[in-house]
Structure formats: C-alpha cells, structure tokens
N, C-alpha and C. Protein backbone atom coordinates (compact mmCIF):
# COMPACT_ATOMS: atom_id res chain seq x y z
N UNK A 1 0.84 -1.18 0.00
CA UNK A 1 0.00 0.00 0.00
C UNK A 1 0.88 1.23 0.00
N UNK A 2 0.50 2.22 -0.82
CA UNK A 2 1.27 3.44 -0.94
C UNK A 2 0.47 4.62 -0.38
N UNK A 3 1.00 5.24 0.67
CA UNK A 3 0.38 6.44 1.23
C UNK A 3 1.28 7.62 0.91
N UNK A 4 0.74 8.60 0.19
CA UNK A 4 1.49 9.80 -0.17
C UNK A 4 1.19 10.90 0.85
N UNK A 5 2.21 11.33 1.57
CA UNK A 5 2.10 12.49 2.46
C UNK A 5 2.47 13.70 1.62
N UNK A 6 1.50 14.54 1.34
CA UNK A 6 1.67 15.59 0.34
C UNK A 6 2.56 16.71 0.86
N UNK A 7 3.66 16.91 0.16
CA UNK A 7 4.64 17.95 0.51
C UNK A 7 4.44 19.13 -0.42
N UNK A 8 3.89 20.22 0.12
CA UNK A 8 3.71 21.42 -0.68
C UNK A 8 4.49 22.59 -0.07
N UNK A 9 5.51 22.25 0.72
CA UNK A 9 6.39 23.27 1.28
C UNK A 9 6.00 23.74 2.65
N UNK A 10 5.00 23.10 3.26
CA UNK A 10 4.57 23.46 4.61
C UNK A 10 3.98 22.23 5.26
N UNK A 11 3.86 22.26 6.59
CA UNK A 11 3.19 21.15 7.25
C UNK A 11 4.10 20.34 8.13
N UNK A 12 3.44 19.55 8.97
CA UNK A 12 4.12 18.71 9.95
C UNK A 12 4.40 17.34 9.33
N UNK A 13 5.21 17.34 8.29
CA UNK A 13 5.38 16.14 7.47
C UNK A 13 6.05 14.99 8.22
N UNK A 14 7.15 15.28 8.90
CA UNK A 14 7.92 14.21 9.52
C UNK A 14 7.17 13.57 10.69
N UNK A 15 6.44 14.36 11.47
CA UNK A 15 5.70 13.77 12.59
C UNK A 15 4.56 12.89 12.09
N UNK A 16 3.94 13.28 10.99
CA UNK A 16 2.90 12.44 10.39
C UNK A 16 3.52 11.15 9.85
N UNK A 17 4.66 11.26 9.20
CA UNK A 17 5.33 10.08 8.67
C UNK A 17 5.71 9.11 9.80
N UNK A 18 6.19 9.68 10.93
CA UNK A 18 6.55 8.82 12.06
C UNK A 18 5.32 8.12 12.63
N UNK A 19 4.20 8.85 12.72
CA UNK A 19 2.97 8.24 13.24
C UNK A 19 2.49 7.11 12.36
N UNK A 20 2.50 7.30 11.05
CA UNK A 20 2.08 6.24 10.14
C UNK A 20 3.01 5.04 10.22
N UNK A 21 4.31 5.30 10.30
CA UNK A 21 5.28 4.21 10.40
C UNK A 21 5.07 3.42 11.70
N UNK A 22 4.72 4.13 12.78
CA UNK A 22 4.53 3.47 14.07
C UNK A 22 3.38 2.47 14.02
N UNK A 23 2.33 2.78 13.24
CA UNK A 23 1.19 1.85 13.16
C UNK A 23 1.35 0.85 12.02
N UNK A 24 2.55 0.84 11.41
CA UNK A 24 2.86 -0.19 10.43
C UNK A 24 2.46 0.12 8.99
N UNK A 25 2.15 1.39 8.71
CA UNK A 25 1.77 1.77 7.35
C UNK A 25 2.56 3.02 6.94
N UNK A 26 3.85 2.89 6.70
CA UNK A 26 4.66 4.07 6.41
C UNK A 26 4.18 4.80 5.16
N UNK A 27 4.29 6.12 5.21
CA UNK A 27 3.94 6.94 4.07
C UNK A 27 5.18 7.54 3.44
N UNK A 28 5.04 7.98 2.21
CA UNK A 28 6.15 8.61 1.49
C UNK A 28 5.85 10.10 1.35
N UNK A 29 6.76 10.94 1.80
CA UNK A 29 6.62 12.39 1.65
C UNK A 29 6.96 12.75 0.22
N UNK A 30 6.01 13.39 -0.49
CA UNK A 30 6.23 13.69 -1.90
C UNK A 30 5.42 14.89 -2.35
N UNK A 31 5.98 15.64 -3.26
CA UNK A 31 5.26 16.71 -3.93
C UNK A 31 5.14 16.43 -5.42
N UNK A 32 5.41 15.19 -5.82
CA UNK A 32 5.39 14.78 -7.22
C UNK A 32 3.96 14.38 -7.61
N UNK A 33 3.34 15.09 -8.57
CA UNK A 33 1.97 14.75 -8.96
C UNK A 33 1.81 13.30 -9.42
N UNK A 34 2.83 12.75 -10.07
CA UNK A 34 2.75 11.37 -10.54
C UNK A 34 2.68 10.39 -9.38
N UNK A 35 3.45 10.65 -8.32
CA UNK A 35 3.40 9.78 -7.15
C UNK A 35 2.07 9.92 -6.41
N UNK A 36 1.56 11.14 -6.36
CA UNK A 36 0.26 11.36 -5.73
C UNK A 36 -0.83 10.63 -6.51
N UNK A 37 -0.74 10.68 -7.83
CA UNK A 37 -1.73 10.01 -8.67
C UNK A 37 -1.69 8.50 -8.52
N UNK A 38 -0.50 7.96 -8.24
CA UNK A 38 -0.33 6.50 -8.13
C UNK A 38 -0.59 5.98 -6.71
N UNK A 39 -0.75 6.86 -5.74
CA UNK A 39 -0.88 6.43 -4.34
C UNK A 39 -2.25 5.81 -4.06
N UNK A 40 -2.26 4.93 -3.06
CA UNK A 40 -3.51 4.30 -2.62
C UNK A 40 -4.27 5.17 -1.62
N UNK A 41 -3.58 6.12 -1.00
CA UNK A 41 -4.19 7.04 -0.05
C UNK A 41 -3.32 8.28 0.05
N UNK A 42 -3.93 9.39 0.47
CA UNK A 42 -3.23 10.66 0.56
C UNK A 42 -3.39 11.25 1.95
N UNK A 43 -2.36 11.96 2.40
CA UNK A 43 -2.44 12.72 3.64
C UNK A 43 -2.05 14.16 3.33
N UNK A 44 -2.90 15.10 3.77
CA UNK A 44 -2.64 16.52 3.56
C UNK A 44 -2.43 17.17 4.91
N UNK A 45 -1.18 17.28 5.36
CA UNK A 45 -0.91 17.95 6.63
C UNK A 45 -1.01 19.47 6.44
N UNK A 46 -0.87 20.21 7.52
CA UNK A 46 -0.88 21.65 7.37
C UNK A 46 -0.53 22.38 8.64
N UNK A 47 0.41 23.29 8.54
CA UNK A 47 0.76 24.20 9.63
C UNK A 47 1.07 25.54 8.98
N UNK A 48 0.47 26.61 9.47
CA UNK A 48 0.75 27.92 8.90
C UNK A 48 -0.51 28.68 8.57
N UNK A 49 -0.40 29.61 7.62
CA UNK A 49 -1.51 30.47 7.23
C UNK A 49 -2.25 29.88 6.04
N UNK A 50 -3.57 29.99 6.07
CA UNK A 50 -4.44 29.37 5.06
C UNK A 50 -4.08 29.83 3.65
N UNK A 51 -4.03 31.14 3.42
CA UNK A 51 -3.80 31.66 2.07
C UNK A 51 -2.47 31.17 1.51
N UNK A 52 -1.41 31.25 2.32
CA UNK A 52 -0.09 30.83 1.84
C UNK A 52 -0.07 29.35 1.51
N UNK A 53 -0.71 28.54 2.35
CA UNK A 53 -0.71 27.09 2.11
C UNK A 53 -1.55 26.75 0.88
N UNK A 54 -2.69 27.41 0.69
CA UNK A 54 -3.49 27.15 -0.51
C UNK A 54 -2.72 27.55 -1.77
N UNK A 55 -1.96 28.63 -1.70
CA UNK A 55 -1.16 29.06 -2.85
C UNK A 55 -0.10 28.00 -3.17
N UNK A 56 0.48 27.43 -2.12
CA UNK A 56 1.52 26.42 -2.33
C UNK A 56 0.95 25.09 -2.81
N UNK A 57 -0.28 24.78 -2.41
CA UNK A 57 -0.88 23.51 -2.81
C UNK A 57 -1.53 23.61 -4.20
N UNK A 58 -1.66 24.81 -4.73
CA UNK A 58 -2.35 25.03 -6.02
C UNK A 58 -1.83 24.13 -7.15
N UNK A 59 -0.50 23.96 -7.31
CA UNK A 59 -0.02 23.09 -8.41
C UNK A 59 -0.46 21.63 -8.27
N UNK A 60 -0.85 21.22 -7.06
CA UNK A 60 -1.24 19.84 -6.82
C UNK A 60 -2.76 19.69 -6.65
N UNK A 61 -3.46 20.81 -6.71
CA UNK A 61 -4.91 20.81 -6.45
C UNK A 61 -5.67 19.87 -7.38
N UNK A 62 -5.37 19.94 -8.67
CA UNK A 62 -6.10 19.14 -9.65
C UNK A 62 -5.96 17.65 -9.38
N UNK A 63 -4.75 17.18 -9.15
CA UNK A 63 -4.55 15.74 -8.93
C UNK A 63 -5.16 15.30 -7.60
N UNK A 64 -5.09 16.15 -6.57
CA UNK A 64 -5.70 15.80 -5.28
C UNK A 64 -7.20 15.61 -5.45
N UNK A 65 -7.86 16.57 -6.10
CA UNK A 65 -9.32 16.50 -6.25
C UNK A 65 -9.73 15.34 -7.16
N UNK A 66 -8.93 15.05 -8.18
CA UNK A 66 -9.23 13.90 -9.04
C UNK A 66 -9.16 12.60 -8.27
N UNK A 67 -8.17 12.48 -7.38
CA UNK A 67 -8.03 11.26 -6.60
C UNK A 67 -9.18 11.12 -5.60
N UNK A 68 -9.58 12.23 -4.98
CA UNK A 68 -10.73 12.20 -4.07
C UNK A 68 -11.98 11.78 -4.82
N UNK A 69 -12.21 12.37 -5.99
CA UNK A 69 -13.39 12.02 -6.80
C UNK A 69 -13.38 10.55 -7.20
N UNK A 70 -12.18 9.97 -7.32
CA UNK A 70 -12.06 8.56 -7.68
C UNK A 70 -12.24 7.63 -6.48
N UNK A 71 -12.45 8.21 -5.29
CA UNK A 71 -12.70 7.41 -4.09
C UNK A 71 -11.48 7.08 -3.27
N UNK A 72 -10.34 7.65 -3.63
CA UNK A 72 -9.11 7.39 -2.88
C UNK A 72 -9.21 8.08 -1.51
N UNK A 73 -8.84 7.39 -0.42
CA UNK A 73 -8.89 8.02 0.91
C UNK A 73 -7.92 9.20 1.03
N UNK A 74 -8.41 10.28 1.63
CA UNK A 74 -7.61 11.48 1.89
C UNK A 74 -7.82 11.86 3.34
N UNK A 75 -6.71 12.04 4.07
CA UNK A 75 -6.76 12.51 5.45
C UNK A 75 -6.16 13.90 5.52
N UNK A 76 -6.95 14.88 5.94
CA UNK A 76 -6.46 16.24 6.16
C UNK A 76 -6.23 16.47 7.64
N UNK A 77 -5.11 17.07 8.00
CA UNK A 77 -4.75 17.27 9.41
C UNK A 77 -4.58 18.76 9.69
N UNK A 78 -5.29 19.27 10.69
CA UNK A 78 -5.21 20.65 11.16
C UNK A 78 -5.53 21.61 10.02
N UNK A 79 -4.57 22.40 9.56
CA UNK A 79 -4.85 23.30 8.45
C UNK A 79 -5.21 22.50 7.20
N UNK A 80 -4.69 21.28 7.08
CA UNK A 80 -5.07 20.41 5.98
C UNK A 80 -6.56 20.14 5.97
N UNK A 81 -7.17 19.98 7.16
CA UNK A 81 -8.62 19.84 7.25
C UNK A 81 -9.31 21.13 6.86
N UNK A 82 -8.81 22.27 7.32
CA UNK A 82 -9.44 23.55 7.00
C UNK A 82 -9.44 23.80 5.49
N UNK A 83 -8.43 23.32 4.80
CA UNK A 83 -8.37 23.49 3.34
C UNK A 83 -9.45 22.69 2.63
N UNK A 84 -10.08 21.72 3.30
CA UNK A 84 -11.20 20.98 2.72
C UNK A 84 -12.38 21.90 2.41
N UNK A 85 -12.52 22.99 3.17
CA UNK A 85 -13.72 23.82 3.11
C UNK A 85 -13.72 24.73 1.90
N UNK A 86 -14.89 25.36 1.66
CA UNK A 86 -15.03 26.27 0.53
C UNK A 86 -14.15 27.50 0.67
N UNK A 87 -13.99 27.96 1.92
CA UNK A 87 -13.21 29.19 2.12
C UNK A 87 -12.79 29.32 3.58
N UNK A 88 -11.82 30.20 3.80
CA UNK A 88 -11.39 30.59 5.15
C UNK A 88 -11.39 32.11 5.23
N UNK A 89 -11.71 32.63 6.41
CA UNK A 89 -11.70 34.08 6.65
C UNK A 89 -10.39 34.53 7.29
N UNK A 90 -9.37 33.68 7.27
CA UNK A 90 -8.08 34.06 7.85
C UNK A 90 -7.39 35.10 6.97
N UNK A 91 -7.17 36.30 7.52
CA UNK A 91 -6.54 37.40 6.77
C UNK A 91 -7.29 37.71 5.48
N UNK A 92 -8.61 37.85 5.58
CA UNK A 92 -9.45 38.06 4.41
C UNK A 92 -10.13 36.75 4.04
N UNK A 93 -10.88 36.76 2.95
CA UNK A 93 -11.57 35.54 2.52
C UNK A 93 -10.78 34.89 1.38
N UNK A 94 -10.47 33.60 1.55
CA UNK A 94 -9.67 32.88 0.56
C UNK A 94 -10.31 31.53 0.28
N UNK A 95 -10.34 31.14 -0.98
CA UNK A 95 -10.96 29.88 -1.38
C UNK A 95 -10.14 28.67 -0.96
N UNK A 96 -10.88 27.61 -0.58
CA UNK A 96 -10.26 26.34 -0.24
C UNK A 96 -10.45 25.32 -1.35
N UNK A 97 -10.32 24.04 -1.02
CA UNK A 97 -10.44 22.96 -2.00
C UNK A 97 -11.89 22.62 -2.33
N UNK A 98 -12.83 23.06 -1.50
CA UNK A 98 -14.27 22.86 -1.73
C UNK A 98 -14.65 21.38 -1.74
N UNK A 99 -14.01 20.60 -0.89
CA UNK A 99 -14.37 19.19 -0.72
C UNK A 99 -15.62 19.08 0.15
N UNK A 100 -15.76 19.98 1.11
CA UNK A 100 -16.95 20.04 1.96
C UNK A 100 -17.46 21.48 1.98
N UNK A 101 -18.76 21.69 2.20
CA UNK A 101 -19.28 23.05 2.25
C UNK A 101 -18.95 23.74 3.57
N UNK A 102 -18.92 25.07 3.54
CA UNK A 102 -18.71 25.83 4.77
C UNK A 102 -17.50 26.72 4.71
N UNK A 103 -17.41 27.58 5.71
CA UNK A 103 -16.33 28.56 5.81
C UNK A 103 -15.66 28.46 7.17
N UNK A 104 -14.36 28.55 7.19
CA UNK A 104 -13.58 28.51 8.42
C UNK A 104 -13.41 29.95 8.93
N UNK A 105 -13.66 30.17 10.22
CA UNK A 105 -13.56 31.51 10.79
C UNK A 105 -12.82 31.47 12.13
N UNK A 106 -12.39 32.62 12.57
CA UNK A 106 -11.61 32.73 13.80
C UNK A 106 -12.51 32.51 15.02
N UNK A 107 -11.95 31.91 16.07
CA UNK A 107 -12.66 31.84 17.34
C UNK A 107 -13.03 33.25 17.78
N UNK A 108 -14.27 33.44 18.20
CA UNK A 108 -14.75 34.76 18.58
C UNK A 108 -15.05 34.81 20.07
N UNK A 109 -15.58 35.95 20.51
CA UNK A 109 -16.04 36.08 21.89
C UNK A 109 -14.93 36.26 22.90
N UNK A 110 -13.77 36.74 22.46
CA UNK A 110 -12.69 37.00 23.40
C UNK A 110 -11.96 35.76 23.88
N UNK A 111 -12.18 34.63 23.20
CA UNK A 111 -11.48 33.41 23.59
C UNK A 111 -9.98 33.54 23.33
N UNK A 112 -9.20 32.97 24.21
CA UNK A 112 -7.75 32.95 24.01
C UNK A 112 -7.43 32.05 22.82
N UNK A 113 -6.61 32.57 21.92
CA UNK A 113 -6.17 31.76 20.79
C UNK A 113 -4.64 31.77 20.72
N UNK A 114 -4.05 30.69 20.25
CA UNK A 114 -4.74 29.51 19.74
C UNK A 114 -5.38 28.66 20.84
N UNK A 115 -6.42 27.94 20.42
CA UNK A 115 -6.96 26.88 21.26
C UNK A 115 -5.91 25.77 21.24
N UNK A 116 -5.27 25.55 22.37
CA UNK A 116 -4.12 24.66 22.38
C UNK A 116 -4.19 23.71 23.56
N UNK A 117 -3.98 22.43 23.28
CA UNK A 117 -3.96 21.43 24.34
C UNK A 117 -4.96 20.32 24.07
N UNK A 118 -5.19 19.53 25.09
CA UNK A 118 -6.04 18.34 25.00
C UNK A 118 -7.51 18.73 25.19
N UNK A 119 -8.35 18.17 24.34
CA UNK A 119 -9.79 18.41 24.44
C UNK A 119 -10.51 17.13 24.02
N UNK A 120 -11.72 16.96 24.53
CA UNK A 120 -12.44 15.71 24.28
C UNK A 120 -13.33 15.81 23.04
N UNK A 121 -13.56 14.68 22.41
CA UNK A 121 -14.40 14.58 21.23
C UNK A 121 -15.82 14.18 21.59
N UNK A 122 -16.77 14.70 20.85
CA UNK A 122 -18.15 14.23 20.90
C UNK A 122 -18.47 13.65 19.53
N UNK A 123 -18.68 12.36 19.47
CA UNK A 123 -18.94 11.69 18.20
C UNK A 123 -20.36 12.04 17.74
N UNK A 124 -20.46 12.58 16.52
CA UNK A 124 -21.75 12.99 15.96
C UNK A 124 -22.35 11.92 15.06
N UNK A 125 -21.49 11.15 14.39
CA UNK A 125 -21.97 10.08 13.51
C UNK A 125 -20.84 9.09 13.26
N UNK A 126 -21.19 7.93 12.77
CA UNK A 126 -20.20 6.88 12.55
C UNK A 126 -19.33 7.20 11.34
N UNK A 127 -18.07 6.79 11.44
CA UNK A 127 -17.14 6.89 10.33
C UNK A 127 -16.02 5.89 10.59
N UNK A 128 -15.46 5.26 9.54
CA UNK A 128 -14.38 4.29 9.74
C UNK A 128 -13.19 4.84 10.52
N UNK A 129 -12.93 6.15 10.44
CA UNK A 129 -11.80 6.73 11.17
C UNK A 129 -11.97 6.58 12.67
N UNK A 130 -13.22 6.45 13.14
CA UNK A 130 -13.51 6.40 14.57
C UNK A 130 -13.76 4.99 15.09
N UNK A 131 -13.41 3.99 14.31
CA UNK A 131 -13.56 2.62 14.78
C UNK A 131 -12.81 2.41 16.09
N UNK A 132 -13.53 1.99 17.13
CA UNK A 132 -12.92 1.74 18.44
C UNK A 132 -12.68 2.99 19.26
N UNK A 133 -13.19 4.14 18.81
CA UNK A 133 -12.98 5.40 19.54
C UNK A 133 -14.34 5.95 19.96
N UNK A 134 -14.45 6.34 21.21
CA UNK A 134 -15.73 6.74 21.77
C UNK A 134 -15.77 8.22 22.11
N UNK A 135 -16.98 8.74 22.26
CA UNK A 135 -17.17 10.08 22.80
C UNK A 135 -16.43 10.22 24.12
N UNK A 136 -15.77 11.34 24.32
CA UNK A 136 -14.99 11.57 25.54
C UNK A 136 -13.51 11.31 25.36
N UNK A 137 -13.11 10.73 24.23
CA UNK A 137 -11.69 10.50 23.97
C UNK A 137 -10.98 11.84 23.77
N UNK A 138 -9.77 11.95 24.31
CA UNK A 138 -9.03 13.21 24.25
C UNK A 138 -8.01 13.20 23.12
N UNK A 139 -7.91 14.35 22.44
CA UNK A 139 -6.96 14.54 21.34
C UNK A 139 -6.33 15.92 21.48
N UNK A 140 -5.26 16.16 20.72
CA UNK A 140 -4.45 17.37 20.91
C UNK A 140 -4.69 18.40 19.80
N UNK A 141 -5.10 19.59 20.20
CA UNK A 141 -5.40 20.68 19.27
C UNK A 141 -4.39 21.82 19.37
N UNK A 142 -4.14 22.48 18.24
CA UNK A 142 -3.44 23.77 18.20
C UNK A 142 -4.02 24.53 17.01
N UNK A 143 -4.95 25.48 17.25
CA UNK A 143 -5.55 26.21 16.13
C UNK A 143 -6.26 27.46 16.63
N UNK A 144 -6.35 28.45 15.74
CA UNK A 144 -7.03 29.71 16.04
C UNK A 144 -8.31 29.88 15.22
N UNK A 145 -8.50 29.04 14.22
CA UNK A 145 -9.67 29.11 13.35
C UNK A 145 -10.42 27.80 13.43
N UNK A 146 -11.74 27.86 13.22
CA UNK A 146 -12.55 26.65 13.35
C UNK A 146 -13.71 26.69 12.38
N UNK A 147 -14.30 25.51 12.14
CA UNK A 147 -15.48 25.38 11.31
C UNK A 147 -16.69 25.07 12.20
N UNK A 148 -17.83 25.63 11.84
CA UNK A 148 -19.06 25.35 12.57
C UNK A 148 -19.44 23.87 12.43
N UNK A 149 -20.20 23.38 13.39
CA UNK A 149 -20.76 22.03 13.29
C UNK A 149 -21.81 22.05 12.18
N UNK A 150 -21.77 21.03 11.32
CA UNK A 150 -22.67 20.95 10.17
C UNK A 150 -22.99 19.48 9.89
N UNK A 151 -23.83 19.20 8.90
CA UNK A 151 -24.10 17.80 8.55
C UNK A 151 -22.86 17.01 8.15
N UNK A 152 -21.78 17.72 7.76
CA UNK A 152 -20.53 17.03 7.40
C UNK A 152 -19.67 16.70 8.61
N UNK A 153 -20.05 17.18 9.79
CA UNK A 153 -19.26 16.95 11.00
C UNK A 153 -19.38 15.49 11.45
N UNK A 154 -18.25 14.87 11.66
CA UNK A 154 -18.20 13.49 12.18
C UNK A 154 -18.07 13.51 13.70
N UNK A 155 -17.27 14.45 14.20
CA UNK A 155 -17.10 14.62 15.65
C UNK A 155 -16.87 16.10 15.93
N UNK A 156 -17.31 16.53 17.10
CA UNK A 156 -17.14 17.92 17.49
C UNK A 156 -16.34 17.99 18.78
N UNK A 157 -15.90 19.20 19.10
CA UNK A 157 -15.28 19.49 20.39
C UNK A 157 -15.84 20.84 20.84
N UNK A 158 -15.55 21.22 22.07
CA UNK A 158 -16.11 22.46 22.60
C UNK A 158 -15.02 23.38 23.10
N UNK A 159 -15.06 24.61 22.60
CA UNK A 159 -14.18 25.68 23.10
C UNK A 159 -14.96 26.98 22.92
N UNK A 160 -15.65 27.39 23.96
CA UNK A 160 -16.54 28.54 23.84
C UNK A 160 -17.72 28.25 22.95
N UNK A 161 -18.06 26.99 22.79
CA UNK A 161 -19.11 26.53 21.88
C UNK A 161 -18.58 25.40 21.02
N UNK A 162 -19.49 24.64 20.46
CA UNK A 162 -19.10 23.46 19.67
C UNK A 162 -18.49 23.89 18.33
N UNK A 163 -17.48 23.15 17.90
CA UNK A 163 -16.88 23.34 16.58
C UNK A 163 -16.55 21.96 16.01
N UNK A 164 -16.31 21.92 14.71
CA UNK A 164 -16.01 20.65 14.05
C UNK A 164 -14.59 20.19 14.36
N UNK A 165 -14.49 18.99 14.90
CA UNK A 165 -13.19 18.38 15.18
C UNK A 165 -12.79 17.38 14.09
N UNK A 166 -13.79 16.71 13.51
CA UNK A 166 -13.57 15.80 12.38
C UNK A 166 -14.67 16.06 11.36
N UNK A 167 -14.29 16.17 10.10
CA UNK A 167 -15.25 16.42 9.03
C UNK A 167 -15.03 15.39 7.93
N UNK A 168 -16.10 15.09 7.18
CA UNK A 168 -15.99 14.14 6.08
C UNK A 168 -16.86 14.60 4.91
N UNK A 169 -16.42 14.27 3.71
CA UNK A 169 -17.28 14.50 2.54
C UNK A 169 -18.40 13.47 2.54
N UNK A 170 -19.35 13.64 1.63
CA UNK A 170 -20.51 12.74 1.59
C UNK A 170 -20.11 11.30 1.32
N UNK A 171 -19.09 11.10 0.48
CA UNK A 171 -18.66 9.74 0.14
C UNK A 171 -17.92 9.07 1.30
N UNK A 172 -17.37 9.87 2.22
CA UNK A 172 -16.68 9.33 3.39
C UNK A 172 -15.21 9.06 3.19
N UNK A 173 -14.71 9.20 1.95
CA UNK A 173 -13.29 8.88 1.71
C UNK A 173 -12.36 10.04 2.05
N UNK A 174 -12.87 11.27 2.05
CA UNK A 174 -12.07 12.43 2.46
C UNK A 174 -12.48 12.81 3.87
N UNK A 175 -11.55 12.69 4.80
CA UNK A 175 -11.85 12.95 6.21
C UNK A 175 -10.74 13.82 6.79
N UNK A 176 -11.13 14.83 7.55
CA UNK A 176 -10.16 15.75 8.11
C UNK A 176 -10.30 15.87 9.61
N UNK A 177 -9.16 16.04 10.28
CA UNK A 177 -9.15 16.23 11.73
C UNK A 177 -8.57 17.61 12.05
N UNK A 178 -9.29 18.40 12.85
CA UNK A 178 -8.77 19.70 13.26
C UNK A 178 -7.60 19.54 14.22
N UNK A 179 -7.56 18.45 14.92
CA UNK A 179 -6.48 18.14 15.86
C UNK A 179 -5.37 17.37 15.15
N UNK A 180 -4.31 17.08 15.89
CA UNK A 180 -3.17 16.34 15.35
C UNK A 180 -3.21 14.89 15.85
N UNK A 181 -3.68 13.94 15.04
CA UNK A 181 -3.69 12.55 15.50
C UNK A 181 -2.29 12.02 15.81
N UNK A 182 -1.29 12.51 15.08
CA UNK A 182 0.07 12.02 15.29
C UNK A 182 0.66 12.51 16.61
N UNK A 183 -0.04 13.46 17.28
CA UNK A 183 0.40 13.96 18.58
C UNK A 183 -0.61 13.65 19.68
N UNK A 184 -1.56 12.77 19.37
CA UNK A 184 -2.68 12.51 20.29
C UNK A 184 -2.63 11.15 20.96
N UNK A 185 -1.42 10.61 21.14
CA UNK A 185 -1.26 9.38 21.90
C UNK A 185 -1.96 8.20 21.26
N UNK A 186 -2.36 7.21 22.07
CA UNK A 186 -2.97 5.99 21.54
C UNK A 186 -4.25 6.24 20.74
N UNK A 187 -5.04 7.24 21.13
CA UNK A 187 -6.27 7.55 20.39
C UNK A 187 -5.93 7.99 18.97
N UNK A 188 -4.97 8.91 18.84
CA UNK A 188 -4.58 9.39 17.52
C UNK A 188 -3.94 8.32 16.67
N UNK A 189 -3.12 7.48 17.29
CA UNK A 189 -2.49 6.39 16.54
C UNK A 189 -3.53 5.39 16.06
N UNK A 190 -4.57 5.17 16.87
CA UNK A 190 -5.65 4.29 16.43
C UNK A 190 -6.34 4.88 15.20
N UNK A 191 -6.51 6.20 15.18
CA UNK A 191 -7.11 6.84 14.00
C UNK A 191 -6.24 6.66 12.76
N UNK A 192 -4.93 6.81 12.92
CA UNK A 192 -4.04 6.60 11.77
C UNK A 192 -4.14 5.17 11.27
N UNK A 193 -4.23 4.23 12.18
CA UNK A 193 -4.39 2.82 11.78
C UNK A 193 -5.74 2.63 11.09
N UNK A 194 -6.79 3.25 11.64
CA UNK A 194 -8.11 3.16 11.00
C UNK A 194 -8.09 3.74 9.60
N UNK A 195 -7.37 4.86 9.45
CA UNK A 195 -7.28 5.47 8.12
C UNK A 195 -6.62 4.51 7.14
N UNK A 196 -5.54 3.88 7.56
CA UNK A 196 -4.87 2.92 6.68
C UNK A 196 -5.81 1.78 6.29
N UNK A 197 -6.68 1.40 7.22
CA UNK A 197 -7.62 0.31 6.94
C UNK A 197 -8.74 0.73 5.99
N UNK A 198 -8.88 2.04 5.75
CA UNK A 198 -9.85 2.51 4.76
C UNK A 198 -9.39 2.24 3.33
N UNK A 199 -8.11 1.95 3.15
CA UNK A 199 -7.57 1.75 1.81
C UNK A 199 -8.07 0.43 1.23
C-alpha cells in the first residue's frame, strides 16, 4: 500500500510520517503529482496560514481533487482539514479545496487563541476513522480558526461553543481532523491505523 504524504512546502510532514510508520503503514513524503496520482491514499498535513498554504498547494490541487473524486482516501490534518472547506476568513476571505461546504472563521467572543492542548471529542456520527474510539476521547489541538458544526461533521469538540473536530465529505473517503492525530497518543495512533484500513 502506498500512502502519499503531500509535501507542498509546509506542514508537519515528519511527525505524520513517524505516526504512520509506528502503526505499520509508512507513508512517502512527496510533492510529485505522478506519485500522488499513483498512491492508494493521501495525507494533507498543514501548519501555517491558510492563504499561503493554498497558494503552495495550487499546483497539486487538480490531482488531489481527481483522486478524491475517484474514491481514494484522503486525510487532512489541522490546516489540511481547513483546506477541505469552501473558504477561510483568515486574513481576508480565501478559497479552499471545496471538498466540503462551509467557511472557516476565527474563534470569537474573546477566547484565548490559539486553542491549544487536549480536548475531548463528541462523536456525531459513525465513520471508519472512529472505529474503536468513543465520545470523551481526548486529542491534541493547536488552532485559532474553526469550522461550525454541520451535517458534514463526524465529531465535534467544545471551546466557547461546539466546533467541528472531524469532518468528512458525503462519500466518506475524504476525512479531516482539526487536531493532530500524530500527537494525540494511543487515540490518535488508532485513527491513523483506522485510516490505513480505509484503503
């Protein structure tokens, strides 16, 4: 099985690669469209600013969306999940990959940002990524922007109100986590293993 960890010049690539290797499904870090096209699954990590990351991922956008449309599993992590949405309001309004509907916006109401640390999940609906994982499981977040809970939400968390912690497209093959599974201990590693089993 070939898992392509998409390298577009940003992101927590090495920690994701270590997490996948730990659960026995090593991924290959690559920015080569041909390798992405040939992969059995894709991982889109992300750390940084939305607009800059979308600009860097633009040369790979077509092949990523084609693979998703073909049913290939895609895991988006943190900013990688936010890029699934139609747009983000970070530093203005900027278009995303439009894999799921909705807009990402900054935490409001005077909340301290980034929202950083361990927080519990509330499972909203079943998804293969959550096999063996229950409501109340703790995962590790670091983010200042969030998506509202919607019909695409698989699991939510609460920080001054509920927000989407895991999102999925209608087909279920593209799934994103606002938190970092590779930094979330046994729960996160179980999710990485579950993702590999989606292939």
